[in-house]
Amino acid sequence: MMSPIRPALVVFSALTLICGVIYPLAVTGIGAAAFPAQAGGSIVEVNGKAVGSTLIGQSFTSPHYFWGRPSATAPMANNAAGSSGANQGPLNPALLDAVKGRIDALKAADPANTQAIPVDLVTASASGLDPEISLAAARYQANRVAAARKMPAEQVLALIDTHQRKQYLGFFGEPRVNVLALNLALDQAKPMRLAAAPADPQ
């Protein structure tokens, strides 16, 4: 009777070569050729310097910028290794304290804002890496950003609309905006003066 060891070793070696070497190299090569930006981490560069990734949320705390969703990557930007859920139930005092602290920070940054705070500005997601916020979350911050930059609120709202991303396949999820892309657009925008209202006829 033929020993089963030899065919077992042959199959093991073949599968190791196919699954552990050939397949990963093929997938990596195809990905790099067909989707070079995504395969490289969707890194965004400004003047040759990497400033972030469109796929990973990072912490913005200046009133001049839109703030993203609470991220597991904080305080280190673009730390995908920090991916994790909150793992806290709705009755957990730690979660309630964290949400309260985030609400207080938003109100302190914009005391005149009496709008309801969108939930994605005070709660993290399952992955903890969200690079996007809802349109409601972006619009909630528009007046604060406009005032800090001495820009018309209408110009800031227009930037939000310009950078709006539609639902996946037209019906999955909700419209949203990438925080890094929006903040970079803010840095490139020049404040525009609003046209003066016509004088009332005498």
C-alpha atoms as a PDB file:
ATOM      1  CA  MET A   1       0.000   0.000   0.000  1.00  0.00           C
ATOM      2  CA  MET A   2       1.338   3.423  -0.946  1.00  0.00           C
ATOM      3  CA  SER A   3       2.173   5.618   2.016  1.00  0.00           C
ATOM      4  CA  PRO A   4      -0.255   8.566   2.344  1.00  0.00           C
ATOM      5  CA  ILE A   5       2.544  10.852   3.487  1.00  0.00           C
ATOM      6  CA  ARG A   6       3.997  11.577   0.054  1.00  0.00           C
ATOM      7  CA  PRO A   7       0.715  12.629  -1.680  1.00  0.00           C
ATOM      8  CA  ALA A   8      -0.228  14.618   1.409  1.00  0.00           C
ATOM      9  CA  LEU A   9       3.059  16.518   1.246  1.00  0.00           C
ATOM     10  CA  VAL A  10       2.618  17.130  -2.495  1.00  0.00           C
ATOM     11  CA  VAL A  11      -0.900  18.523  -1.994  1.00  0.00           C
ATOM     12  CA  PHE A  12       0.261  20.615   0.970  1.00  0.00           C
ATOM     13  CA  SER A  13       3.163  22.077  -1.005  1.00  0.00           C
ATOM     14  CA  ALA A  14       0.988  22.791  -4.038  1.00  0.00           C
ATOM     15  CA  LEU A  15      -1.683  24.532  -1.982  1.00  0.00           C
ATOM     16  CA  THR A  16       0.936  26.513  -0.088  1.00  0.00           C
ATOM     17  CA  LEU A  17       2.457  27.712  -3.358  1.00  0.00           C
ATOM     18  CA  ILE A  18      -0.905  28.541  -4.929  1.00  0.00           C
ATOM     19  CA  CYS A  19      -2.662  30.098  -1.934  1.00  0.00           C
ATOM     20  CA  GLY A  20       0.332  31.536  -0.142  1.00  0.00           C
ATOM     21  CA  VAL A  21       2.418  32.880  -3.020  1.00  0.00           C
ATOM     22  CA  ILE A  22       0.809  32.889  -6.457  1.00  0.00           C
ATOM     23  CA  TYR A  23      -2.675  34.092  -5.434  1.00  0.00           C
ATOM     24  CA  PRO A  24      -1.516  36.961  -3.144  1.00  0.00           C
ATOM     25  CA  LEU A  25       0.991  38.176  -5.738  1.00  0.00           C
ATOM     26  CA  ALA A  26      -1.633  38.020  -8.500  1.00  0.00           C
ATOM     27  CA  VAL A  27      -4.254  39.903  -6.454  1.00  0.00           C
ATOM     28  CA  THR A  28      -1.737  42.511  -5.323  1.00  0.00           C
ATOM     29  CA  GLY A  29      -0.497  43.023  -8.884  1.00  0.00           C
ATOM     30  CA  ILE A  30      -3.985  43.322 -10.355  1.00  0.00           C
ATOM     31  CA  GLY A  31      -5.045  45.693  -7.596  1.00  0.00           C
ATOM     32  CA  ALA A  32      -1.990  47.903  -8.044  1.00  0.00           C
ATOM     33  CA  ALA A  33      -2.507  48.018 -11.808  1.00  0.00           C
ATOM     34  CA  ALA A  34      -6.284  48.523 -11.869  1.00  0.00           C
ATOM     35  CA  PHE A  35      -6.747  50.592  -8.686  1.00  0.00           C
ATOM     36  CA  PRO A  36      -3.375  52.132  -7.795  1.00  0.00           C
ATOM     37  CA  ALA A  37      -4.742  54.776  -5.409  1.00  0.00           C
ATOM     38  CA  GLN A  38      -6.968  52.384  -3.478  1.00  0.00           C
ATOM     39  CA  ALA A  39      -4.276  49.689  -3.359  1.00  0.00           C
ATOM     40  CA  GLY A  40      -1.889  52.242  -1.896  1.00  0.00           C
ATOM     41  CA  GLY A  41      -4.279  53.174   0.897  1.00  0.00           C
ATOM     42  CA  SER A  42      -6.032  56.096  -0.843  1.00  0.00           C
ATOM     43  CA  ILE A  43      -3.399  58.458   0.538  1.00  0.00           C
ATOM     44  CA  VAL A  44      -4.013  62.165  -0.051  1.00  0.00           C
ATOM     45  CA  GLU A  45      -0.985  64.351  -0.657  1.00  0.00           C
ATOM     46  CA  VAL A  46      -0.671  68.122  -0.580  1.00  0.00           C
ATOM     47  CA  ASN A  47       2.512  69.633  -2.017  1.00  0.00           C
ATOM     48  CA  GLY A  48       4.095  66.197  -2.013  1.00  0.00           C
ATOM     49  CA  LYS A  49       3.317  65.534   1.659  1.00  0.00           C
ATOM     50  CA  ALA A  50       0.847  62.898   2.826  1.00  0.00           C
ATOM     51  CA  VAL A  51      -1.905  64.526   4.876  1.00  0.00           C
ATOM     52  CA  GLY A  52      -4.253  61.584   5.368  1.00  0.00           C
ATOM     53  CA  SER A  53      -6.334  58.911   3.727  1.00  0.00           C
ATOM     54  CA  THR A  54      -9.832  59.193   2.317  1.00  0.00           C
ATOM     55  CA  LEU A  55     -10.589  55.799   3.881  1.00  0.00           C
ATOM     56  CA  ILE A  56      -9.585  56.444   7.496  1.00  0.00           C
ATOM     57  CA  GLY A  57     -11.063  59.021   9.835  1.00  0.00           C
ATOM     58  CA  GLN A  58      -8.778  61.396  11.685  1.00  0.00           C
ATOM     59  CA  SER A  59      -9.230  63.902  14.454  1.00  0.00           C
ATOM     60  CA  PHE A  60      -9.898  67.573  13.659  1.00  0.00           C
ATOM     61  CA  THR A  61     -10.366  69.831  16.690  1.00  0.00           C
ATOM     62  CA  SER A  62      -9.844  73.350  15.312  1.00  0.00           C
ATOM     63  CA  PRO A  63     -13.032  75.411  14.853  1.00  0.00           C
ATOM     64  CA  HIS A  64     -11.710  76.248  11.361  1.00  0.00           C
ATOM     65  CA  TYR A  65     -12.333  72.674  10.234  1.00  0.00           C
ATOM     66  CA  PHE A  66     -15.214  70.253  10.068  1.00  0.00           C
ATOM     67  CA  TRP A  67     -14.989  67.640  12.787  1.00  0.00           C
ATOM     68  CA  GLY A  68     -15.418  63.994  11.899  1.00  0.00           C
ATOM     69  CA  ARG A  69     -17.069  61.140  13.675  1.00  0.00           C
ATOM     70  CA  PRO A  70     -15.376  60.033  16.923  1.00  0.00           C
ATOM     71  CA  SER A  71     -12.640  57.710  15.741  1.00  0.00           C
ATOM     72  CA  ALA A  72     -10.718  54.790  17.166  1.00  0.00           C
ATOM     73  CA  THR A  73      -7.639  56.230  15.458  1.00  0.00           C
ATOM     74  CA  ALA A  74      -7.455  59.225  17.771  1.00  0.00           C
ATOM     75  CA  PRO A  75      -5.168  60.756  18.841  1.00  0.00           C
ATOM     76  CA  MET A  76      -2.930  59.290  16.088  1.00  0.00           C
ATOM     77  CA  ALA A  77      -4.275  60.172  12.661  1.00  0.00           C
ATOM     78  CA  ASN A  78      -4.577  57.450  10.041  1.00  0.00           C
ATOM     79  CA  ASN A  79      -3.942  54.634  12.505  1.00  0.00           C
ATOM     80  CA  ALA A  80      -5.938  51.836  10.906  1.00  0.00           C
ATOM     81  CA  ALA A  81      -4.587  49.428  13.513  1.00  0.00           C
ATOM     82  CA  GLY A  82      -6.889  51.159  15.978  1.00  0.00           C
ATOM     83  CA  SER A  83      -9.995  49.795  14.291  1.00  0.00           C
ATOM     84  CA  SER A  84     -12.473  48.633  16.910  1.00  0.00           C
ATOM     85  CA  GLY A  85     -16.033  49.133  18.028  1.00  0.00           C
ATOM     86  CA  ALA A  86     -16.978  50.920  21.204  1.00  0.00           C
ATOM     87  CA  ASN A  87     -18.224  47.645  22.705  1.00  0.00           C
ATOM     88  CA  GLN A  88     -20.323  49.661  25.110  1.00  0.00           C
ATOM     89  CA  GLY A  89     -24.049  49.249  25.581  1.00  0.00           C
ATOM     90  CA  PRO A  90     -26.463  52.212  25.599  1.00  0.00           C
ATOM     91  CA  LEU A  91     -26.782  51.997  29.392  1.00  0.00           C
ATOM     92  CA  ASN A  92     -23.038  51.893  30.000  1.00  0.00           C
ATOM     93  CA  PRO A  93     -22.053  54.962  32.106  1.00  0.00           C
ATOM     94  CA  ALA A  94     -18.742  55.214  30.212  1.00  0.00           C
ATOM     95  CA  LEU A  95     -20.579  55.592  26.887  1.00  0.00           C
ATOM     96  CA  LEU A  96     -22.984  58.140  28.338  1.00  0.00           C
ATOM     97  CA  ASP A  97     -20.088  60.139  29.795  1.00  0.00           C
ATOM     98  CA  ALA A  98     -18.222  60.044  26.463  1.00  0.00           C
ATOM     99  CA  VAL A  99     -21.280  61.251  24.539  1.00  0.00           C
ATOM    100  CA  LYS A 100     -21.899  64.020  27.070  1.00  0.00           C
ATOM    101  CA  GLY A 101     -18.295  65.148  26.761  1.00  0.00           C
ATOM    102  CA  ARG A 102     -18.572  65.286  22.967  1.00  0.00           C
ATOM    103  CA  ILE A 103     -21.812  67.256  23.178  1.00  0.00           C
ATOM    104  CA  ASP A 104     -20.200  69.731  25.581  1.00  0.00           C
ATOM    105  CA  ALA A 105     -17.225  70.158  23.212  1.00  0.00           C
ATOM    106  CA  LEU A 106     -19.502  70.873  20.245  1.00  0.00           C
ATOM    107  CA  LYS A 107     -21.533  73.394  22.222  1.00  0.00           C
ATOM    108  CA  ALA A 108     -18.414  75.067  23.575  1.00  0.00           C
ATOM    109  CA  ALA A 109     -17.065  75.474  20.042  1.00  0.00           C
ATOM    110  CA  ASP A 110     -20.351  76.957  18.778  1.00  0.00           C
ATOM    111  CA  PRO A 111     -22.407  78.339  21.704  1.00  0.00           C
ATOM    112  CA  ALA A 112     -24.906  80.106  19.452  1.00  0.00           C
ATOM    113  CA  ASN A 113     -25.896  76.907  17.658  1.00  0.00           C
ATOM    114  CA  THR A 114     -29.256  75.661  18.939  1.00  0.00           C
ATOM    115  CA  GLN A 115     -29.769  72.921  16.349  1.00  0.00           C
ATOM    116  CA  ALA A 116     -30.105  69.304  17.431  1.00  0.00           C
ATOM    117  CA  ILE A 117     -26.690  67.640  17.319  1.00  0.00           C
ATOM    118  CA  PRO A 118     -26.578  64.810  14.735  1.00  0.00           C
ATOM    119  CA  VAL A 119     -25.869  61.471  16.388  1.00  0.00           C
ATOM    120  CA  ASP A 120     -22.843  60.646  14.226  1.00  0.00           C
ATOM    121  CA  LEU A 121     -20.942  63.590  15.736  1.00  0.00           C
ATOM    122  CA  VAL A 122     -21.078  62.084  19.222  1.00  0.00           C
ATOM    123  CA  THR A 123     -20.992  58.314  18.643  1.00  0.00           C
ATOM    124  CA  ALA A 124     -18.397  56.066  17.006  1.00  0.00           C
ATOM    125  CA  SER A 125     -19.249  53.377  14.475  1.00  0.00           C
ATOM    126  CA  ALA A 126     -18.562  49.653  14.586  1.00  0.00           C
ATOM    127  CA  SER A 127     -15.237  50.064  12.770  1.00  0.00           C
ATOM    128  CA  GLY A 128     -14.222  53.280  14.505  1.00  0.00           C
ATOM    129  CA  LEU A 129     -12.533  54.487  11.314  1.00  0.00           C
ATOM    130  CA  ASP A 130     -15.277  56.472   9.600  1.00  0.00           C
ATOM    131  CA  PRO A 131     -13.824  59.112   7.252  1.00  0.00           C
ATOM    132  CA  GLU A 132     -17.288  60.497   6.452  1.00  0.00           C
ATOM    133  CA  ILE A 133     -20.143  62.243   8.214  1.00  0.00           C
ATOM    134  CA  SER A 134     -23.760  62.750   7.273  1.00  0.00           C
ATOM    135  CA  LEU A 135     -24.873  65.898   5.483  1.00  0.00           C
ATOM    136  CA  ALA A 136     -26.752  66.866   8.652  1.00  0.00           C
ATOM    137  CA  ALA A 137     -23.521  66.625  10.652  1.00  0.00           C
ATOM    138  CA  ALA A 138     -21.669  68.764   8.113  1.00  0.00           C
ATOM    139  CA  ARG A 139     -24.419  71.380   7.910  1.00  0.00           C
ATOM    140  CA  TYR A 140     -24.604  71.533  11.705  1.00  0.00           C
ATOM    141  CA  GLN A 141     -20.996  72.774  11.706  1.00  0.00           C
ATOM    142  CA  ALA A 142     -21.251  75.116   8.724  1.00  0.00           C
ATOM    143  CA  ASN A 143     -21.886  78.337  10.656  1.00  0.00           C
ATOM    144  CA  ARG A 144     -19.024  77.677  13.087  1.00  0.00           C
ATOM    145  CA  VAL A 145     -16.563  77.001  10.265  1.00  0.00           C
ATOM    146  CA  ALA A 146     -17.783  80.012   8.295  1.00  0.00           C
ATOM    147  CA  ALA A 147     -17.395  82.325  11.286  1.00  0.00           C
ATOM    148  CA  ALA A 148     -13.927  81.005  12.127  1.00  0.00           C
ATOM    149  CA  ARG A 149     -12.760  81.507   8.536  1.00  0.00           C
ATOM    150  CA  LYS A 150     -14.681  84.752   8.001  1.00  0.00           C
ATOM    151  CA  MET A 151     -16.462  83.174   5.042  1.00  0.00           C
ATOM    152  CA  PRO A 152     -20.126  83.494   4.088  1.00  0.00           C
ATOM    153  CA  ALA A 153     -22.116  80.562   5.435  1.00  0.00           C
ATOM    154  CA  GLU A 154     -23.602  80.135   1.961  1.00  0.00           C
ATOM    155  CA  GLN A 155     -20.124  79.485   0.534  1.00  0.00           C
ATOM    156  CA  VAL A 156     -19.418  76.814   3.156  1.00  0.00           C
ATOM    157  CA  LEU A 157     -22.794  75.161   2.547  1.00  0.00           C
ATOM    158  CA  ALA A 158     -22.068  75.181  -1.186  1.00  0.00           C
ATOM    159  CA  LEU A 159     -18.785  73.349  -0.541  1.00  0.00           C
ATOM    160  CA  ILE A 160     -20.697  70.713   1.429  1.00  0.00           C
ATOM    161  CA  ASP A 161     -23.104  70.218  -1.463  1.00  0.00           C
ATOM    162  CA  THR A 162     -20.239  70.075  -3.973  1.00  0.00           C
ATOM    163  CA  HIS A 163     -18.471  67.321  -2.006  1.00  0.00           C
ATOM    164  CA  GLN A 164     -21.617  65.357  -1.278  1.00  0.00           C
ATOM    165  CA  ARG A 165     -21.368  61.647  -2.006  1.00  0.00           C
ATOM    166  CA  LYS A 166     -24.542  59.926  -3.073  1.00  0.00           C
ATOM    167  CA  GLN A 167     -25.968  56.704  -1.688  1.00  0.00           C
ATOM    168  CA  TYR A 168     -24.234  53.484  -2.681  1.00  0.00           C
ATOM    169  CA  LEU A 169     -25.909  52.135  -5.835  1.00  0.00           C
ATOM    170  CA  GLY A 170     -28.526  54.825  -5.411  1.00  0.00           C
ATOM    171  CA  PHE A 171     -30.245  53.372  -2.342  1.00  0.00           C
ATOM    172  CA  PHE A 172     -27.729  51.953   0.195  1.00  0.00           C
ATOM    173  CA  GLY A 173     -26.966  54.185   3.159  1.00  0.00           C
ATOM    174  CA  GLU A 174     -27.424  57.927   3.012  1.00  0.00           C
ATOM    175  CA  PRO A 175     -25.731  60.887   1.339  1.00  0.00           C
ATOM    176  CA  ARG A 176     -22.510  61.817   3.116  1.00  0.00           C
ATOM    177  CA  VAL A 177     -19.359  63.888   2.854  1.00  0.00           C
ATOM    178  CA  ASN A 178     -15.705  62.950   3.294  1.00  0.00           C
ATOM    179  CA  VAL A 179     -14.308  65.110   6.100  1.00  0.00           C
ATOM    180  CA  LEU A 180     -10.704  65.228   4.873  1.00  0.00           C
ATOM    181  CA  ALA A 181     -11.735  66.125   1.320  1.00  0.00           C
ATOM    182  CA  LEU A 182     -14.065  68.841   2.609  1.00  0.00           C
ATOM    183  CA  ASN A 183     -11.426  70.354   4.893  1.00  0.00           C
ATOM    184  CA  LEU A 184      -8.848  70.374   2.098  1.00  0.00           C
ATOM    185  CA  ALA A 185     -11.369  72.136  -0.115  1.00  0.00           C
ATOM    186  CA  LEU A 186     -11.864  74.710   2.644  1.00  0.00           C
ATOM    187  CA  ASP A 187      -8.139  75.416   2.745  1.00  0.00           C
ATOM    188  CA  GLN A 188      -8.135  76.008  -1.015  1.00  0.00           C
ATOM    189  CA  ALA A 189     -11.257  78.178  -1.054  1.00  0.00           C
ATOM    190  CA  LYS A 190     -11.002  81.938  -1.000  1.00  0.00           C
ATOM    191  CA  PRO A 191     -13.626  83.792   1.032  1.00  0.00           C
ATOM    192  CA  MET A 192     -16.175  85.353  -1.283  1.00  0.00           C
ATOM    193  CA  ARG A 193     -18.036  88.534  -0.563  1.00  0.00           C
ATOM    194  CA  LEU A 194     -21.778  88.313  -0.790  1.00  0.00           C
ATOM    195  CA  ALA A 195     -23.405  90.697  -3.243  1.00  0.00           C
ATOM    196  CA  ALA A 196     -24.913  93.687  -1.489  1.00  0.00           C
ATOM    197  CA  ALA A 197     -28.690  93.702  -1.344  1.00  0.00           C
ATOM    198  CA  PRO A 198     -30.273  96.249  -3.654  1.00  0.00           C
ATOM    199  CA  ALA A 199     -31.285  99.453  -1.943  1.00  0.00           C
ATOM    200  CA  ASP A 200     -34.963  99.959  -1.262  1.00  0.00           C
ATOM    201  CA  PRO A 201     -36.518 102.397  -3.721  1.00  0.00           C
ATOM    202  CA  GLN A 202     -37.315 105.729  -2.131  1.00  0.00           C
END
